[in-house]
Amino acid sequence: MIETRTPSLTALFTARSAARAAARRAVHGPAPYGEAMQGTTPRELGPAGAQALLVEVFEPSTDRLAHSLGVGRRAEHVARALGLPDLLVTAAYLHDIGYAAAARDTGLHQLDGARYLRRLGASDALTSLVAHHTSALTEAGERHLDAHLRGEFPPPADGELLDLLTYCDMTTSATGRTVTIDERLDCIYDRYAPGHLVARSIHSAEPQLRRIVSTVEERMRLR
């Protein structure tokens, strides 16, 4: 389902936060490795704090930032339609934070992101969603990190939120547009060579990912 949008408070907030972050970087340089952004404390890791954190740890005008913001906006739409809590929206904005330089460690972005958020004091409910989004265990197995992922971050108690987070990720392009799952998969396969472990992982998880997207789309149609 493709939706059209007019400029929103989210867009205005993001632009202002980006301007403030750029001004801080010009004066103080990048935030130190793993340090929480200025002005954001763990209790502020709701949707607004999540957006502010993104513009602190990702460079402006990059696909990674655009995708993360797009997935968050997608989750806002889903949460409104289904009457779901802000936890889904916050997790959507932060789902790929493991790609940030401040978070990268093992190379498994779901695990790295969950660890980073845990260091910032994020709740177990939030870190487990980030840790397990988009069939994370499949890629974790490829990287021999599945035991670490399971041991540190048990799967979310609410599997519905995890599926909805995965849906938002798999229907948002690298540049933040709403797309079909076919378009999203094509983009991933174009980005990674056939033998790359990410490509192998997505290929293995593709039937499950398609089932999740199909189920959520049917649910959204019935609203």
N, C-alpha and C. Protein backbone atom coordinates (compact mmCIF):
# COMPACT_ATOMS: atom_id res chain seq x y z
N MET A 1 0.85 -1.18 0.00
CA MET A 1 0.00 0.00 0.00
C MET A 1 0.89 1.23 0.00
N ILE A 2 0.80 2.08 -1.00
CA ILE A 2 1.60 3.28 -1.11
C ILE A 2 0.79 4.44 -0.57
N GLU A 3 1.41 5.26 0.30
CA GLU A 3 0.70 6.36 0.88
C GLU A 3 1.39 7.67 0.53
N THR A 4 0.64 8.72 0.39
CA THR A 4 1.21 10.03 0.13
C THR A 4 1.22 10.81 1.42
N ARG A 5 2.20 11.74 1.54
CA ARG A 5 2.33 12.50 2.77
C ARG A 5 2.56 13.96 2.48
N THR A 6 2.07 14.81 3.37
CA THR A 6 2.43 16.21 3.36
C THR A 6 3.48 16.41 4.43
N PRO A 7 4.23 17.53 4.40
CA PRO A 7 5.24 17.76 5.44
C PRO A 7 4.62 17.65 6.82
N SER A 8 5.31 16.96 7.72
CA SER A 8 4.76 16.66 9.04
C SER A 8 5.63 17.25 10.13
N LEU A 9 5.11 17.17 11.35
CA LEU A 9 5.92 17.59 12.49
C LEU A 9 7.17 16.75 12.60
N THR A 10 7.09 15.46 12.21
CA THR A 10 8.27 14.60 12.22
C THR A 10 9.35 15.16 11.31
N ALA A 11 8.96 15.57 10.10
CA ALA A 11 9.94 16.11 9.16
C ALA A 11 10.56 17.39 9.70
N LEU A 12 9.71 18.28 10.28
CA LEU A 12 10.24 19.53 10.82
C LEU A 12 11.17 19.27 11.98
N PHE A 13 10.79 18.32 12.86
CA PHE A 13 11.64 17.97 14.00
C PHE A 13 12.98 17.45 13.52
N THR A 14 12.96 16.55 12.52
CA THR A 14 14.18 15.95 12.02
C THR A 14 15.11 17.01 11.42
N ALA A 15 14.54 17.94 10.66
CA ALA A 15 15.35 18.98 10.05
C ALA A 15 16.00 19.86 11.11
N ARG A 16 15.23 20.22 12.13
CA ARG A 16 15.79 21.05 13.19
C ARG A 16 16.84 20.30 13.98
N SER A 17 16.59 19.02 14.26
CA SER A 17 17.57 18.21 15.00
C SER A 17 18.85 18.06 14.20
N ALA A 18 18.73 17.85 12.89
CA ALA A 18 19.90 17.72 12.04
C ALA A 18 20.72 19.00 12.05
N ALA A 19 20.03 20.16 12.00
CA ALA A 19 20.75 21.43 12.03
C ALA A 19 21.48 21.61 13.35
N ARG A 20 20.82 21.25 14.45
CA ARG A 20 21.48 21.37 15.75
C ARG A 20 22.67 20.43 15.85
N ALA A 21 22.51 19.19 15.35
CA ALA A 21 23.60 18.22 15.41
C ALA A 21 24.78 18.69 14.57
N ALA A 22 24.50 19.25 13.39
CA ALA A 22 25.58 19.75 12.54
C ALA A 22 26.32 20.89 13.22
N ALA A 23 25.58 21.77 13.89
CA ALA A 23 26.22 22.88 14.60
C ALA A 23 27.10 22.36 15.73
N ARG A 24 26.62 21.32 16.45
CA ARG A 24 27.45 20.76 17.53
C ARG A 24 28.71 20.13 16.98
N ARG A 25 28.58 19.39 15.84
CA ARG A 25 29.76 18.75 15.27
C ARG A 25 30.77 19.79 14.81
N ALA A 26 30.28 20.93 14.29
CA ALA A 26 31.19 21.97 13.82
C ALA A 26 32.01 22.55 14.96
N VAL A 27 31.40 22.62 16.14
CA VAL A 27 32.09 23.20 17.29
C VAL A 27 32.90 22.16 18.05
N HIS A 28 32.28 20.99 18.29
CA HIS A 28 32.88 20.01 19.19
C HIS A 28 33.44 18.78 18.48
N GLY A 29 33.15 18.61 17.18
CA GLY A 29 33.54 17.39 16.48
C GLY A 29 32.53 16.30 16.72
N PRO A 30 32.73 15.11 16.10
CA PRO A 30 31.78 14.01 16.27
C PRO A 30 31.69 13.56 17.72
N ALA A 31 30.54 12.99 18.07
CA ALA A 31 30.39 12.44 19.42
C ALA A 31 31.38 11.31 19.63
N PRO A 32 31.97 11.18 20.82
CA PRO A 32 32.91 10.09 21.09
C PRO A 32 32.25 8.74 20.89
N TYR A 33 33.06 7.74 20.58
CA TYR A 33 32.59 6.38 20.31
C TYR A 33 31.72 5.90 21.46
N GLY A 34 30.51 5.51 21.12
CA GLY A 34 29.63 4.88 22.10
C GLY A 34 29.00 5.83 23.10
N GLU A 35 29.25 7.13 22.99
CA GLU A 35 28.71 8.06 23.98
C GLU A 35 27.33 8.52 23.58
N ALA A 36 26.45 8.65 24.54
CA ALA A 36 25.10 9.13 24.24
C ALA A 36 25.17 10.56 23.71
N MET A 37 24.27 10.88 22.79
CA MET A 37 24.28 12.22 22.22
C MET A 37 23.96 13.26 23.28
N GLN A 38 24.47 14.47 23.08
CA GLN A 38 24.18 15.55 23.99
C GLN A 38 22.69 15.83 24.02
N GLY A 39 22.13 15.93 25.22
CA GLY A 39 20.72 16.26 25.33
C GLY A 39 19.79 15.07 25.28
N THR A 40 20.32 13.86 25.06
CA THR A 40 19.45 12.67 25.04
C THR A 40 19.85 11.74 26.18
N THR A 41 18.91 11.43 27.03
CA THR A 41 19.13 10.49 28.11
C THR A 41 18.29 9.26 27.82
N PRO A 42 18.58 8.13 28.48
CA PRO A 42 17.82 6.91 28.19
C PRO A 42 16.31 7.09 28.28
N ARG A 43 15.84 7.91 29.23
CA ARG A 43 14.39 8.05 29.36
C ARG A 43 13.75 8.77 28.18
N GLU A 44 14.58 9.38 27.31
CA GLU A 44 14.06 10.09 26.14
C GLU A 44 14.07 9.24 24.88
N LEU A 45 14.33 7.95 25.00
CA LEU A 45 14.36 7.10 23.82
C LEU A 45 12.96 6.66 23.41
N GLY A 46 12.11 7.63 23.25
CA GLY A 46 10.84 7.44 22.57
C GLY A 46 11.02 7.85 21.11
N PRO A 47 9.94 8.00 20.36
CA PRO A 47 10.10 8.36 18.94
C PRO A 47 10.89 9.63 18.70
N ALA A 48 10.65 10.68 19.47
CA ALA A 48 11.38 11.93 19.26
C ALA A 48 12.85 11.78 19.60
N GLY A 49 13.15 11.16 20.74
CA GLY A 49 14.54 10.94 21.09
C GLY A 49 15.25 10.02 20.12
N ALA A 50 14.52 9.05 19.57
CA ALA A 50 15.12 8.14 18.58
C ALA A 50 15.53 8.90 17.33
N GLN A 51 14.67 9.80 16.86
CA GLN A 51 15.02 10.59 15.68
C GLN A 51 16.23 11.48 15.95
N ALA A 52 16.27 12.08 17.12
CA ALA A 52 17.40 12.93 17.47
C ALA A 52 18.70 12.13 17.52
N LEU A 53 18.62 10.92 18.05
CA LEU A 53 19.81 10.07 18.12
C LEU A 53 20.28 9.70 16.71
N LEU A 54 19.36 9.41 15.82
CA LEU A 54 19.74 9.05 14.45
C LEU A 54 20.55 10.17 13.78
N VAL A 55 20.09 11.41 13.91
CA VAL A 55 20.79 12.49 13.23
C VAL A 55 22.12 12.81 13.91
N GLU A 56 22.31 12.29 15.11
CA GLU A 56 23.60 12.45 15.78
C GLU A 56 24.61 11.41 15.29
N VAL A 57 24.17 10.18 15.06
CA VAL A 57 25.13 9.10 14.78
C VAL A 57 25.30 8.80 13.30
N PHE A 58 24.36 9.24 12.45
CA PHE A 58 24.48 9.04 11.01
C PHE A 58 24.76 10.38 10.34
N GLU A 59 25.59 10.35 9.30
CA GLU A 59 25.87 11.56 8.55
C GLU A 59 24.62 11.99 7.77
N PRO A 60 24.43 13.30 7.59
CA PRO A 60 23.26 13.78 6.83
C PRO A 60 23.30 13.28 5.39
N SER A 61 22.14 13.19 4.79
CA SER A 61 21.98 12.89 3.36
C SER A 61 22.53 11.52 2.97
N THR A 62 22.58 10.58 3.91
CA THR A 62 23.01 9.22 3.58
C THR A 62 21.80 8.31 3.49
N ASP A 63 21.95 7.23 2.73
CA ASP A 63 20.86 6.27 2.62
C ASP A 63 20.51 5.66 3.97
N ARG A 64 21.53 5.43 4.81
CA ARG A 64 21.25 4.78 6.09
C ARG A 64 20.32 5.64 6.93
N LEU A 65 20.57 6.95 6.96
CA LEU A 65 19.70 7.85 7.71
C LEU A 65 18.32 7.91 7.05
N ALA A 66 18.29 8.04 5.72
CA ALA A 66 17.02 8.14 5.01
C ALA A 66 16.17 6.89 5.22
N HIS A 67 16.80 5.72 5.15
CA HIS A 67 16.06 4.47 5.36
C HIS A 67 15.51 4.39 6.78
N SER A 68 16.35 4.71 7.76
CA SER A 68 15.91 4.63 9.16
C SER A 68 14.74 5.55 9.43
N LEU A 69 14.81 6.78 8.93
CA LEU A 69 13.70 7.71 9.10
C LEU A 69 12.46 7.23 8.36
N GLY A 70 12.65 6.66 7.18
CA GLY A 70 11.52 6.14 6.43
C GLY A 70 10.82 4.99 7.13
N VAL A 71 11.60 4.08 7.72
CA VAL A 71 11.01 2.96 8.45
C VAL A 71 10.26 3.48 9.68
N GLY A 72 10.82 4.48 10.33
CA GLY A 72 10.12 5.07 11.47
C GLY A 72 8.80 5.69 11.08
N ARG A 73 8.79 6.42 9.96
CA ARG A 73 7.53 7.03 9.50
C ARG A 73 6.52 5.95 9.11
N ARG A 74 7.02 4.88 8.50
CA ARG A 74 6.14 3.75 8.14
C ARG A 74 5.50 3.18 9.40
N ALA A 75 6.30 3.03 10.44
CA ALA A 75 5.79 2.49 11.70
C ALA A 75 4.79 3.44 12.35
N GLU A 76 4.98 4.74 12.20
CA GLU A 76 4.00 5.69 12.72
C GLU A 76 2.64 5.45 12.08
N HIS A 77 2.65 5.25 10.76
CA HIS A 77 1.40 4.98 10.04
C HIS A 77 0.75 3.68 10.53
N VAL A 78 1.56 2.63 10.67
CA VAL A 78 1.04 1.33 11.12
C VAL A 78 0.51 1.43 12.55
N ALA A 79 1.26 2.09 13.42
CA ALA A 79 0.85 2.21 14.81
C ALA A 79 -0.46 2.96 14.95
N ARG A 80 -0.63 4.02 14.16
CA ARG A 80 -1.90 4.76 14.19
C ARG A 80 -3.05 3.88 13.70
N ALA A 81 -2.81 3.15 12.61
CA ALA A 81 -3.87 2.34 12.02
C ALA A 81 -4.31 1.21 12.94
N LEU A 82 -3.36 0.65 13.68
CA LEU A 82 -3.66 -0.54 14.49
C LEU A 82 -3.74 -0.24 15.99
N GLY A 83 -3.56 1.02 16.37
CA GLY A 83 -3.65 1.38 17.78
C GLY A 83 -2.56 0.77 18.62
N LEU A 84 -1.32 0.85 18.13
CA LEU A 84 -0.19 0.21 18.81
C LEU A 84 0.67 1.23 19.55
N PRO A 85 1.48 0.77 20.51
CA PRO A 85 2.26 1.69 21.34
C PRO A 85 3.45 2.31 20.61
N ASP A 86 3.99 3.36 21.24
CA ASP A 86 5.16 4.04 20.69
C ASP A 86 6.39 3.15 20.61
N LEU A 87 6.40 2.05 21.35
CA LEU A 87 7.55 1.14 21.31
C LEU A 87 7.84 0.69 19.88
N LEU A 88 6.82 0.38 19.11
CA LEU A 88 7.02 -0.03 17.72
C LEU A 88 7.70 1.08 16.93
N VAL A 89 7.24 2.30 17.09
CA VAL A 89 7.78 3.44 16.35
C VAL A 89 9.24 3.69 16.74
N THR A 90 9.52 3.66 18.02
CA THR A 90 10.90 3.88 18.49
C THR A 90 11.83 2.81 17.93
N ALA A 91 11.41 1.56 18.01
CA ALA A 91 12.23 0.47 17.48
C ALA A 91 12.45 0.62 15.98
N ALA A 92 11.43 1.09 15.27
CA ALA A 92 11.55 1.27 13.82
C ALA A 92 12.59 2.33 13.49
N TYR A 93 12.54 3.46 14.19
CA TYR A 93 13.56 4.48 13.94
C TYR A 93 14.96 3.96 14.24
N LEU A 94 15.10 3.14 15.26
CA LEU A 94 16.43 2.73 15.73
C LEU A 94 16.86 1.36 15.22
N HIS A 95 16.08 0.72 14.35
CA HIS A 95 16.35 -0.68 14.01
C HIS A 95 17.72 -0.88 13.39
N ASP A 96 18.24 0.10 12.65
CA ASP A 96 19.54 -0.05 11.97
C ASP A 96 20.65 0.74 12.63
N ILE A 97 20.48 1.14 13.87
CA ILE A 97 21.50 1.95 14.51
C ILE A 97 22.81 1.18 14.69
N GLY A 98 22.74 -0.14 14.58
CA GLY A 98 23.95 -0.95 14.66
C GLY A 98 24.93 -0.71 13.52
N TYR A 99 24.51 -0.02 12.46
CA TYR A 99 25.42 0.34 11.38
C TYR A 99 26.23 1.60 11.70
N ALA A 100 25.84 2.34 12.72
CA ALA A 100 26.55 3.57 13.07
C ALA A 100 27.96 3.25 13.57
N ALA A 101 28.89 4.14 13.30
CA ALA A 101 30.27 3.94 13.73
C ALA A 101 30.35 3.76 15.24
N ALA A 102 29.49 4.45 15.97
CA ALA A 102 29.50 4.37 17.42
C ALA A 102 29.05 3.02 17.94
N ALA A 103 28.39 2.24 17.10
CA ALA A 103 27.82 0.96 17.54
C ALA A 103 28.52 -0.24 16.95
N ARG A 104 29.17 -0.11 15.79
CA ARG A 104 29.70 -1.28 15.07
C ARG A 104 30.72 -2.04 15.90
N ASP A 105 30.55 -3.37 15.91
CA ASP A 105 31.48 -4.24 16.65
C ASP A 105 31.59 -5.58 15.95
N THR A 106 30.54 -6.39 16.00
CA THR A 106 30.61 -7.75 15.44
C THR A 106 30.35 -7.79 13.94
N GLY A 107 29.69 -6.77 13.40
CA GLY A 107 29.26 -6.78 12.00
C GLY A 107 27.82 -7.22 11.84
N LEU A 108 27.23 -7.83 12.86
CA LEU A 108 25.81 -8.16 12.85
C LEU A 108 25.07 -6.94 13.39
N HIS A 109 24.46 -6.16 12.51
CA HIS A 109 23.97 -4.85 12.93
C HIS A 109 22.85 -4.96 13.96
N GLN A 110 22.07 -6.04 13.91
CA GLN A 110 21.01 -6.19 14.90
C GLN A 110 21.61 -6.35 16.31
N LEU A 111 22.63 -7.16 16.44
CA LEU A 111 23.29 -7.37 17.73
C LEU A 111 24.03 -6.12 18.17
N ASP A 112 24.78 -5.52 17.26
CA ASP A 112 25.54 -4.32 17.61
C ASP A 112 24.61 -3.18 18.02
N GLY A 113 23.49 -3.05 17.30
CA GLY A 113 22.55 -2.00 17.65
C GLY A 113 21.90 -2.21 19.00
N ALA A 114 21.52 -3.45 19.29
CA ALA A 114 20.90 -3.75 20.59
C ALA A 114 21.89 -3.51 21.73
N ARG A 115 23.15 -3.89 21.53
CA ARG A 115 24.15 -3.65 22.56
C ARG A 115 24.36 -2.15 22.79
N TYR A 116 24.40 -1.40 21.71
CA TYR A 116 24.60 0.04 21.82
C TYR A 116 23.45 0.69 22.58
N LEU A 117 22.23 0.30 22.23
CA LEU A 117 21.08 0.87 22.92
C LEU A 117 21.05 0.45 24.39
N ARG A 118 21.47 -0.77 24.67
CA ARG A 118 21.54 -1.21 26.06
C ARG A 118 22.52 -0.34 26.84
N ARG A 119 23.66 0.04 26.21
CA ARG A 119 24.62 0.92 26.89
C ARG A 119 24.01 2.29 27.17
N LEU A 120 23.05 2.69 26.34
CA LEU A 120 22.37 3.97 26.57
C LEU A 120 21.23 3.84 27.57
N GLY A 121 20.99 2.64 28.07
CA GLY A 121 19.95 2.43 29.07
C GLY A 121 18.59 2.11 28.51
N ALA A 122 18.52 1.68 27.25
CA ALA A 122 17.23 1.34 26.64
C ALA A 122 16.60 0.13 27.33
N SER A 123 15.30 0.04 27.24
CA SER A 123 14.56 -1.05 27.88
C SER A 123 14.84 -2.38 27.17
N ASP A 124 14.60 -3.47 27.90
CA ASP A 124 14.73 -4.80 27.30
C ASP A 124 13.75 -4.98 26.14
N ALA A 125 12.56 -4.40 26.26
CA ALA A 125 11.57 -4.53 25.19
C ALA A 125 12.08 -3.89 23.91
N LEU A 126 12.76 -2.76 24.02
CA LEU A 126 13.28 -2.08 22.84
C LEU A 126 14.49 -2.81 22.27
N THR A 127 15.42 -3.20 23.12
CA THR A 127 16.63 -3.86 22.61
C THR A 127 16.31 -5.20 21.98
N SER A 128 15.33 -5.91 22.50
CA SER A 128 15.01 -7.23 21.91
C SER A 128 14.40 -7.07 20.53
N LEU A 129 13.60 -6.03 20.31
CA LEU A 129 13.04 -5.79 18.98
C LEU A 129 14.15 -5.46 17.98
N VAL A 130 15.05 -4.59 18.37
CA VAL A 130 16.17 -4.23 17.49
C VAL A 130 17.04 -5.45 17.23
N ALA A 131 17.28 -6.25 18.25
CA ALA A 131 18.17 -7.41 18.12
C ALA A 131 17.62 -8.47 17.17
N HIS A 132 16.31 -8.59 17.08
CA HIS A 132 15.73 -9.71 16.33
C HIS A 132 14.97 -9.31 15.07
N HIS A 133 15.03 -8.04 14.67
CA HIS A 133 14.24 -7.64 13.51
C HIS A 133 14.76 -8.27 12.22
N THR A 134 13.83 -8.47 11.30
CA THR A 134 14.13 -8.93 9.94
C THR A 134 15.01 -10.18 9.92
N SER A 135 14.53 -11.22 10.59
CA SER A 135 15.18 -12.54 10.58
C SER A 135 16.64 -12.47 10.98
N ALA A 136 16.91 -11.75 12.05
CA ALA A 136 18.29 -11.57 12.50
C ALA A 136 19.00 -12.88 12.79
N LEU A 137 18.27 -13.86 13.32
CA LEU A 137 18.92 -15.12 13.69
C LEU A 137 19.49 -15.84 12.47
N THR A 138 18.89 -15.63 11.31
CA THR A 138 19.42 -16.27 10.11
C THR A 138 20.81 -15.74 9.79
N GLU A 139 20.96 -14.41 9.77
CA GLU A 139 22.29 -13.84 9.52
C GLU A 139 23.24 -14.14 10.68
N ALA A 140 22.72 -14.16 11.90
CA ALA A 140 23.56 -14.48 13.05
C ALA A 140 24.17 -15.87 12.89
N GLY A 141 23.39 -16.82 12.37
CA GLY A 141 23.92 -18.15 12.12
C GLY A 141 25.05 -18.13 11.11
N GLU A 142 24.90 -17.32 10.06
CA GLU A 142 25.96 -17.19 9.05
C GLU A 142 27.24 -16.63 9.67
N ARG A 143 27.09 -15.78 10.65
CA ARG A 143 28.24 -15.14 11.29
C ARG A 143 28.71 -15.89 12.55
N HIS A 144 28.07 -17.01 12.84
CA HIS A 144 28.37 -17.80 14.05
C HIS A 144 28.16 -16.97 15.32
N LEU A 145 27.13 -16.15 15.29
CA LEU A 145 26.81 -15.30 16.44
C LEU A 145 25.42 -15.59 17.00
N ASP A 146 24.79 -16.66 16.52
CA ASP A 146 23.42 -16.93 16.95
C ASP A 146 23.34 -17.21 18.45
N ALA A 147 24.33 -17.90 19.01
CA ALA A 147 24.31 -18.16 20.45
C ALA A 147 24.44 -16.86 21.25
N HIS A 148 25.29 -15.96 20.76
CA HIS A 148 25.44 -14.66 21.42
C HIS A 148 24.13 -13.88 21.36
N LEU A 149 23.50 -13.88 20.20
CA LEU A 149 22.26 -13.12 20.05
C LEU A 149 21.18 -13.67 20.96
N ARG A 150 21.00 -14.99 20.94
CA ARG A 150 19.96 -15.59 21.80
C ARG A 150 20.28 -15.39 23.27
N GLY A 151 21.56 -15.55 23.62
CA GLY A 151 21.94 -15.46 25.03
C GLY A 151 21.81 -14.06 25.61
N GLU A 152 22.14 -13.06 24.82
CA GLU A 152 22.11 -11.68 25.31
C GLU A 152 20.73 -11.04 25.19
N PHE A 153 20.01 -11.40 24.13
CA PHE A 153 18.73 -10.75 23.85
C PHE A 153 17.68 -11.80 23.48
N PRO A 154 16.95 -12.30 24.46
CA PRO A 154 15.87 -13.25 24.14
C PRO A 154 14.88 -12.62 23.16
N PRO A 155 14.25 -13.42 22.32
CA PRO A 155 13.26 -12.87 21.39
C PRO A 155 12.18 -12.09 22.12
N PRO A 156 11.61 -11.07 21.48
CA PRO A 156 10.57 -10.26 22.13
C PRO A 156 9.40 -11.10 22.61
N ALA A 157 8.88 -10.71 23.74
CA ALA A 157 7.70 -11.40 24.26
C ALA A 157 6.51 -11.18 23.34
N ASP A 158 6.47 -10.01 22.69
CA ASP A 158 5.37 -9.67 21.79
C ASP A 158 5.83 -9.90 20.35
N GLY A 159 5.55 -11.09 19.83
CA GLY A 159 5.96 -11.42 18.47
C GLY A 159 5.25 -10.57 17.43
N GLU A 160 4.05 -10.04 17.77
CA GLU A 160 3.32 -9.18 16.84
C GLU A 160 4.14 -7.93 16.52
N LEU A 161 4.71 -7.30 17.53
CA LEU A 161 5.49 -6.08 17.29
C LEU A 161 6.72 -6.39 16.44
N LEU A 162 7.34 -7.53 16.67
CA LEU A 162 8.51 -7.90 15.87
C LEU A 162 8.13 -8.07 14.41
N ASP A 163 7.01 -8.73 14.14
CA ASP A 163 6.57 -8.90 12.75
C ASP A 163 6.24 -7.55 12.11
N LEU A 164 5.62 -6.66 12.86
CA LEU A 164 5.28 -5.34 12.32
C LEU A 164 6.53 -4.52 12.04
N LEU A 165 7.53 -4.63 12.92
CA LEU A 165 8.80 -3.95 12.68
C LEU A 165 9.46 -4.49 11.42
N THR A 166 9.48 -5.79 11.27
CA THR A 166 10.05 -6.41 10.07
C THR A 166 9.29 -5.97 8.83
N TYR A 167 7.97 -5.91 8.93
CA TYR A 167 7.15 -5.43 7.81
C TYR A 167 7.55 -4.02 7.40
N CYS A 168 7.70 -3.13 8.37
CA CYS A 168 8.07 -1.74 8.05
C CYS A 168 9.44 -1.69 7.38
N ASP A 169 10.37 -2.49 7.84
CA ASP A 169 11.70 -2.54 7.25
C ASP A 169 11.65 -3.06 5.82
N MET A 170 10.87 -4.12 5.61
CA MET A 170 10.84 -4.77 4.30
C MET A 170 9.92 -4.08 3.30
N THR A 171 9.27 -3.00 3.69
CA THR A 171 8.46 -2.23 2.74
C THR A 171 8.93 -0.78 2.67
N THR A 172 10.20 -0.55 3.04
CA THR A 172 10.80 0.78 2.95
C THR A 172 12.12 0.67 2.22
N SER A 173 12.31 1.49 1.21
CA SER A 173 13.51 1.41 0.38
C SER A 173 14.73 1.96 1.11
N ALA A 174 15.88 1.81 0.49
CA ALA A 174 17.12 2.34 1.05
C ALA A 174 17.09 3.85 1.17
N THR A 175 16.24 4.50 0.39
CA THR A 175 16.15 5.95 0.44
C THR A 175 14.92 6.44 1.20
N GLY A 176 14.22 5.52 1.87
CA GLY A 176 13.12 5.90 2.73
C GLY A 176 11.75 5.91 2.10
N ARG A 177 11.61 5.43 0.84
CA ARG A 177 10.31 5.39 0.18
C ARG A 177 9.56 4.12 0.56
N THR A 178 8.24 4.20 0.53
CA THR A 178 7.43 3.00 0.71
C THR A 178 7.44 2.21 -0.58
N VAL A 179 7.77 0.92 -0.48
CA VAL A 179 7.90 0.06 -1.66
C VAL A 179 7.24 -1.28 -1.38
N THR A 180 7.13 -2.10 -2.42
CA THR A 180 6.67 -3.48 -2.25
C THR A 180 7.82 -4.34 -1.76
N ILE A 181 7.50 -5.50 -1.26
CA ILE A 181 8.57 -6.39 -0.81
C ILE A 181 9.43 -6.85 -1.98
N ASP A 182 8.84 -7.00 -3.16
CA ASP A 182 9.63 -7.36 -4.33
C ASP A 182 10.68 -6.30 -4.63
N GLU A 183 10.28 -5.04 -4.58
CA GLU A 183 11.23 -3.96 -4.82
C GLU A 183 12.31 -3.92 -3.75
N ARG A 184 11.93 -4.16 -2.52
CA ARG A 184 12.90 -4.14 -1.41
C ARG A 184 13.91 -5.27 -1.56
N LEU A 185 13.43 -6.46 -1.88
CA LEU A 185 14.33 -7.59 -2.05
C LEU A 185 15.26 -7.38 -3.24
N ASP A 186 14.72 -6.85 -4.33
CA ASP A 186 15.56 -6.58 -5.49
C ASP A 186 16.69 -5.62 -5.13
N CYS A 187 16.37 -4.61 -4.33
CA CYS A 187 17.38 -3.64 -3.91
C CYS A 187 18.48 -4.31 -3.09
N ILE A 188 18.08 -5.19 -2.17
CA ILE A 188 19.06 -5.88 -1.33
C ILE A 188 19.94 -6.78 -2.18
N TYR A 189 19.33 -7.53 -3.09
CA TYR A 189 20.11 -8.44 -3.92
C TYR A 189 21.02 -7.67 -4.89
N ASP A 190 20.62 -6.47 -5.28
CA ASP A 190 21.49 -5.65 -6.13
C ASP A 190 22.67 -5.11 -5.33
N ARG A 191 22.43 -4.84 -4.05
CA ARG A 191 23.48 -4.23 -3.22
C ARG A 191 24.55 -5.24 -2.84
N TYR A 192 24.16 -6.49 -2.63
CA TYR A 192 25.11 -7.51 -2.16
C TYR A 192 25.30 -8.58 -3.23
N ALA A 193 26.53 -8.97 -3.44
CA ALA A 193 26.83 -10.03 -4.41
C ALA A 193 26.17 -11.33 -3.97
N PRO A 194 25.88 -12.24 -4.93
CA PRO A 194 25.16 -13.48 -4.59
C PRO A 194 25.81 -14.29 -3.46
N GLY A 195 27.14 -14.30 -3.39
CA GLY A 195 27.79 -15.10 -2.36
C GLY A 195 27.96 -14.40 -1.03
N HIS A 196 27.57 -13.12 -0.95
CA HIS A 196 27.73 -12.37 0.29
C HIS A 196 26.80 -12.95 1.36
N LEU A 197 27.28 -12.96 2.60
CA LEU A 197 26.49 -13.59 3.66
C LEU A 197 25.15 -12.89 3.89
N VAL A 198 25.10 -11.57 3.65
CA VAL A 198 23.82 -10.88 3.78
C VAL A 198 22.84 -11.38 2.71
N ALA A 199 23.33 -11.50 1.47
CA ALA A 199 22.48 -12.01 0.40
C ALA A 199 22.03 -13.44 0.69
N ARG A 200 22.94 -14.28 1.18
CA ARG A 200 22.56 -15.66 1.53
C ARG A 200 21.52 -15.67 2.64
N SER A 201 21.71 -14.81 3.62
CA SER A 201 20.79 -14.78 4.76
C SER A 201 19.40 -14.35 4.32
N ILE A 202 19.33 -13.28 3.52
CA ILE A 202 18.03 -12.80 3.06
C ILE A 202 17.36 -13.85 2.17
N HIS A 203 18.14 -14.52 1.33
CA HIS A 203 17.57 -15.56 0.48
C HIS A 203 16.98 -16.68 1.32
N SER A 204 17.69 -17.08 2.37
CA SER A 204 17.18 -18.14 3.26
C SER A 204 15.91 -17.69 3.98
N ALA A 205 15.89 -16.42 4.38
CA ALA A 205 14.76 -15.91 5.15
C ALA A 205 13.60 -15.42 4.28
N GLU A 206 13.80 -15.38 2.96
CA GLU A 206 12.81 -14.76 2.08
C GLU A 206 11.40 -15.34 2.24
N PRO A 207 11.20 -16.66 2.29
CA PRO A 207 9.83 -17.16 2.47
C PRO A 207 9.16 -16.63 3.74
N GLN A 208 9.92 -16.60 4.83
CA GLN A 208 9.37 -16.10 6.09
C GLN A 208 9.07 -14.60 5.98
N LEU A 209 9.97 -13.84 5.37
CA LEU A 209 9.75 -12.41 5.23
C LEU A 209 8.52 -12.12 4.37
N ARG A 210 8.35 -12.88 3.31
CA ARG A 210 7.17 -12.69 2.47
C ARG A 210 5.89 -13.03 3.23
N ARG A 211 5.92 -14.06 4.05
CA ARG A 211 4.73 -14.41 4.84
C ARG A 211 4.38 -13.28 5.81
N ILE A 212 5.39 -12.73 6.45
CA ILE A 212 5.15 -11.64 7.40
C ILE A 212 4.51 -10.45 6.69
N VAL A 213 5.10 -10.05 5.57
CA VAL A 213 4.58 -8.89 4.84
C VAL A 213 3.15 -9.15 4.36
N SER A 214 2.91 -10.33 3.82
CA SER A 214 1.57 -10.67 3.33
C SER A 214 0.54 -10.63 4.45
N THR A 215 0.90 -11.17 5.61
CA THR A 215 -0.02 -11.21 6.74
C THR A 215 -0.34 -9.80 7.23
N VAL A 216 0.67 -8.95 7.34
CA VAL A 216 0.44 -7.59 7.82
C VAL A 216 -0.36 -6.79 6.79
N GLU A 217 -0.05 -6.95 5.52
CA GLU A 217 -0.80 -6.23 4.49
C GLU A 217 -2.28 -6.61 4.52
N GLU A 218 -2.57 -7.88 4.72
CA GLU A 218 -3.97 -8.32 4.83
C GLU A 218 -4.63 -7.68 6.05
N ARG A 219 -3.90 -7.65 7.14
CA ARG A 219 -4.44 -7.03 8.36
C ARG A 219 -4.71 -5.55 8.14
N MET A 220 -3.82 -4.85 7.46
CA MET A 220 -4.01 -3.44 7.20
C MET A 220 -5.20 -3.20 6.27
N ARG A 221 -5.40 -4.10 5.32
CA ARG A 221 -6.54 -3.95 4.40
C ARG A 221 -7.88 -4.08 5.13
N LEU A 222 -7.89 -4.86 6.20
CA LEU A 222 -9.11 -5.11 6.93
C LEU A 222 -9.46 -4.00 7.91
N ARG A 223 -8.57 -3.04 8.08
CA ARG A 223 -8.83 -1.93 9.00
C ARG A 223 -9.82 -0.96 8.39
